[in-house]
Amino acid sequence: MIQYACHTSLSHPTVSVFFKGNEELALVQTRWAFVNKDENLLTRLQNINLSFHFEVEQQVNGVFINFFGFNGTAGVWRIKALEDCGGWLERTTVEDMDIAVRAHLCGWKFIYLNDVKVLMLTKLLRSFLLFTRC
């Protein structure tokens, strides 16, 4: 399990979205930020790659097709949505994407908040040797 600490209060900006009258909303996803993103060239490159994922892929998919994969952390789910689409299933190695696809197929909507950053306590890999062992 990835541990994280909120750069801003995660609960307020995410949970409050559920109370704005959107009963079809299943997931509020936020972006990740890393404590060691500027440690060296490798961590900067990883941060660029992940920033593209959040700032482009997640936002564009959220706006135009109202679907994106749940990132496994830094998001808040409506319990009713999880229950309606069969619940969280550990039978797969990609349970975060599994639940996102099933919720989308059941008609639930997702919102991505790019301005809310969750500071990850797990660090980006700082050496090429560690990077190649993953």
Foldseek 3Di string as FASTA:
>chain_A
DFDWAWPDPLCVVAVVVCVPPPPLAFKEAEAEDEPCCPVDDQSVVVVVVRCCCQVPVVQVCCPPVQADFHPPDRMDGDVVLQVVQPHQDPPDPRSRRVSRVSSVVVPGGYHYDHVTYIYTPDHDDDDVVVVVVD
